[in-house]
Amino acid sequence: MSLSLRPKNRNLLLSFVICLFYFSAVFSQQIQIKDLLNTPWVYDGQEVIVRGEVIGNVMKRKDGVWFNVLDETGAMGIWTESLDVYLQGGSYNRTGTIVLVKGFFNRACPKHGGQIDIHSNEIDIISDSTERQHPLDKGKLKILTLLGILFLVAIVFNFILIAKRKRWLKNSA
C-alpha cells in the first residue's frame, strides 16, 4: 500500500516539516543575546539557553536574585528565584563567572515592569571568576617615553629662553 500525495499537499507537508525542524533547532540551541534583543517576538515565552560572563553586581532581593550576563553580542538581565551557586560579577580587574543560563525569555516581563529579561530555572557554572591581567604595550611605552623626553626638553628650552630674556631686559635697562 503506497501513500500518494498531490503535488500541492506534498509541498505543504514538506514546508511544515522544514518549519518544524527549523523551530526545534532554534529553540533547543544556545542563543546569542543579540538575537533575543533584535527579534524578541520570536523567542517571547520560549525556553532559551544563553552563555556569557556575569557582569556588574549580583543583586539579591527578598524574592530572588538579579544579575546581568554579557556574551560577545550584548547583555541581558537574568532573574532567578533561588541561587545555589556563587557568582562573581566581572569588572575592569576581574573576569566574571562564565555561566550557562537556561530559562524563559520575556520581551516585556509583567513581573518586572515590562523589562526584557530571562527568568532562569537552571544556572551552570562554566568557569569561575579570574583576575584580569593588563600588560603594558611596549609600543605605547616607547611613545610615552619619547613624549616625556620631548616635554622635558621643551621645559628646559623654555627656562633657557626666559633666563636669556631676563638678562636682555636687565642689560637694556
Protein backbone atom coordinates (compact mmCIF):
# COMPACT_ATOMS: atom_id res chain seq x y z
CA MET A 1 0.00 0.00 0.00
CA SER A 2 1.58 3.26 -1.03
CA LEU A 3 0.77 6.72 0.10
CA SER A 4 0.46 9.20 -2.73
CA LEU A 5 0.07 12.92 -2.23
CA ARG A 6 -0.87 15.53 -4.71
CA PRO A 7 1.94 18.00 -5.51
CA LYS A 8 0.17 20.80 -3.64
CA ASN A 9 -0.23 18.67 -0.49
CA ARG A 10 3.30 17.32 -0.81
CA ASN A 11 4.72 20.89 -0.88
CA LEU A 12 2.60 21.85 2.11
CA LEU A 13 3.78 18.81 4.07
CA LEU A 14 7.40 19.48 3.09
CA SER A 15 7.09 23.14 4.22
CA PHE A 16 5.60 22.00 7.53
CA VAL A 17 8.43 19.52 8.15
CA ILE A 18 11.08 22.15 7.31
CA CYS A 19 9.45 24.66 9.68
CA LEU A 20 9.22 22.01 12.39
CA PHE A 21 12.94 21.22 12.11
CA TYR A 22 13.85 24.91 11.95
CA PHE A 23 11.90 25.89 15.07
CA SER A 24 13.01 22.84 17.06
CA ALA A 25 16.62 23.72 16.21
CA VAL A 26 16.13 27.40 17.08
CA PHE A 27 14.53 26.77 20.45
CA SER A 28 16.77 23.96 21.63
CA GLN A 29 20.15 25.56 20.92
CA GLN A 30 22.17 28.17 22.70
CA ILE A 31 21.07 31.63 21.54
CA GLN A 32 23.10 34.81 21.26
CA ILE A 33 21.78 37.77 23.23
CA LYS A 34 21.84 39.88 20.05
CA ASP A 35 19.19 37.58 18.57
CA LEU A 36 16.99 37.97 21.64
CA LEU A 37 17.29 41.76 21.50
CA ASN A 38 16.81 42.09 17.74
CA THR A 39 13.88 39.67 17.35
CA PRO A 40 12.24 39.40 20.80
CA TRP A 41 8.82 38.39 19.41
CA VAL A 42 10.32 35.17 18.02
CA TYR A 43 11.55 34.00 21.43
CA ASP A 44 8.92 35.55 23.74
CA GLY A 45 7.76 32.97 26.28
CA GLN A 46 10.15 30.34 24.92
CA GLU A 47 12.79 28.48 26.88
CA VAL A 48 16.22 29.73 25.84
CA ILE A 49 19.83 28.99 26.67
CA VAL A 50 22.47 31.75 26.81
CA ARG A 51 26.13 31.58 27.71
CA GLY A 52 28.15 34.52 28.94
CA GLU A 53 30.06 36.37 31.63
CA VAL A 54 28.33 37.66 34.75
CA ILE A 55 28.99 41.41 34.82
CA GLY A 56 28.40 44.09 37.44
CA ASN A 57 26.82 43.36 40.79
CA VAL A 58 24.79 40.30 41.69
CA MET A 59 21.76 41.93 43.35
CA LYS A 60 19.95 39.88 45.98
CA ARG A 61 16.32 40.75 46.62
CA LYS A 62 13.86 39.24 49.09
CA ASP A 63 12.17 37.16 46.41
CA GLY A 64 15.14 36.38 44.15
CA VAL A 65 18.39 37.48 42.54
CA TRP A 66 19.17 39.77 39.58
CA PHE A 67 22.36 39.66 37.56
CA ASN A 68 23.49 40.56 34.05
CA VAL A 69 25.11 38.25 31.54
CA LEU A 70 27.30 39.53 28.71
CA ASP A 71 28.14 37.47 25.65
CA GLU A 72 30.09 38.64 22.61
CA THR A 73 26.95 40.27 21.16
CA GLY A 74 25.20 42.01 24.07
CA ALA A 75 23.99 41.91 27.67
CA MET A 76 20.77 40.62 29.24
CA GLY A 77 19.21 40.79 32.69
CA ILE A 78 18.67 37.42 34.38
CA TRP A 79 16.20 36.80 37.21
CA THR A 80 16.24 33.71 39.36
CA GLU A 81 14.20 32.94 42.46
CA SER A 82 16.96 30.91 44.09
CA LEU A 83 20.69 30.92 43.55
CA ASP A 84 22.55 27.80 44.71
CA VAL A 85 25.94 28.86 43.29
CA TYR A 86 28.32 31.76 43.94
CA LEU A 87 28.53 34.23 41.07
CA GLN A 88 31.22 36.92 40.82
CA GLY A 89 30.46 39.88 38.58
CA GLY A 90 33.11 40.98 36.13
CA SER A 91 34.80 44.37 36.20
CA TYR A 92 37.93 46.03 34.81
CA ASN A 93 40.17 43.95 37.06
CA ARG A 94 38.19 40.69 37.09
CA THR A 95 36.59 38.42 34.55
CA GLY A 96 33.18 37.45 35.88
CA THR A 97 31.92 33.92 36.34
CA ILE A 98 31.12 32.31 32.97
CA VAL A 99 27.66 30.74 33.14
CA LEU A 100 25.21 28.79 31.02
CA VAL A 101 21.71 30.06 31.79
CA LYS A 102 18.56 28.18 30.86
CA GLY A 103 15.24 29.92 31.35
CA PHE A 104 12.17 31.56 29.86
CA PHE A 105 12.62 34.73 27.82
CA ASN A 106 10.26 37.67 28.35
CA ARG A 107 10.23 40.54 25.89
CA ALA A 108 8.04 42.57 28.30
CA CYS A 109 8.06 40.92 31.71
CA PRO A 110 4.87 41.74 33.64
CA LYS A 111 6.57 40.91 36.96
CA HIS A 112 9.43 43.38 36.36
CA GLY A 113 7.74 46.46 34.93
CA GLY A 114 7.81 45.42 31.29
CA GLN A 115 11.58 44.89 31.14
CA ILE A 116 13.16 42.43 28.75
CA ASP A 117 14.66 39.58 30.77
CA ILE A 118 15.17 35.86 31.23
CA HIS A 119 13.61 34.04 34.18
CA SER A 120 16.18 31.37 34.85
CA ASN A 121 15.36 27.89 36.08
CA GLU A 122 18.89 26.48 35.68
CA ILE A 123 22.35 28.06 36.02
CA ASP A 124 25.51 26.09 35.32
CA ILE A 125 28.98 27.47 36.01
CA ILE A 126 31.35 27.02 33.07
CA SER A 127 34.34 28.71 34.74
CA ASP A 128 34.97 30.72 37.88
CA SER A 129 35.89 34.38 38.06
CA THR A 130 39.57 35.20 37.49
CA GLU A 131 41.78 38.26 37.80
CA ARG A 132 42.45 40.13 34.58
CA GLN A 133 45.98 40.96 33.61
CA HIS A 134 46.66 44.32 31.97
CA PRO A 135 50.14 44.02 30.46
CA LEU A 136 51.89 47.14 29.22
CA ASP A 137 52.02 47.61 25.48
CA LYS A 138 55.72 48.09 24.64
CA GLY A 139 54.93 50.28 21.63
CA LYS A 140 52.83 52.63 23.74
CA LEU A 141 55.52 52.65 26.43
CA LYS A 142 58.14 53.74 23.85
CA ILE A 143 55.88 56.54 22.59
CA LEU A 144 55.19 57.67 26.16
CA THR A 145 58.95 57.74 26.93
CA LEU A 146 59.68 59.73 23.76
CA LEU A 147 56.90 62.25 24.54
CA GLY A 148 58.21 62.58 28.11
CA ILE A 149 61.71 63.33 26.87
CA LEU A 150 60.37 65.88 24.37
CA PHE A 151 58.33 67.51 27.15
CA LEU A 152 61.42 67.80 29.39
CA VAL A 153 63.48 69.24 26.50
CA ALA A 154 60.74 71.82 25.86
CA ILE A 155 60.69 72.84 29.56
CA VAL A 156 64.49 73.20 29.69
CA PHE A 157 64.45 75.18 26.44
CA ASN A 158 61.69 77.43 27.86
CA PHE A 159 63.73 78.10 31.03
CA ILE A 160 66.78 78.97 28.93
CA LEU A 161 64.72 81.44 26.85
CA ILE A 162 63.26 83.02 29.98
CA ALA A 163 66.73 83.41 31.52
CA LYS A 164 68.11 84.98 28.30
CA ARG A 165 65.12 87.36 28.12
CA LYS A 166 65.64 88.45 31.74
CA ARG A 167 69.33 89.10 31.05
CA TRP A 168 68.48 91.04 27.90
CA LEU A 169 65.87 93.13 29.74
CA LYS A 170 68.35 93.74 32.59
CA ASN A 171 71.15 94.78 30.20
CA SER A 172 68.86 97.04 28.11
CA ALA A 173 67.56 98.91 31.16
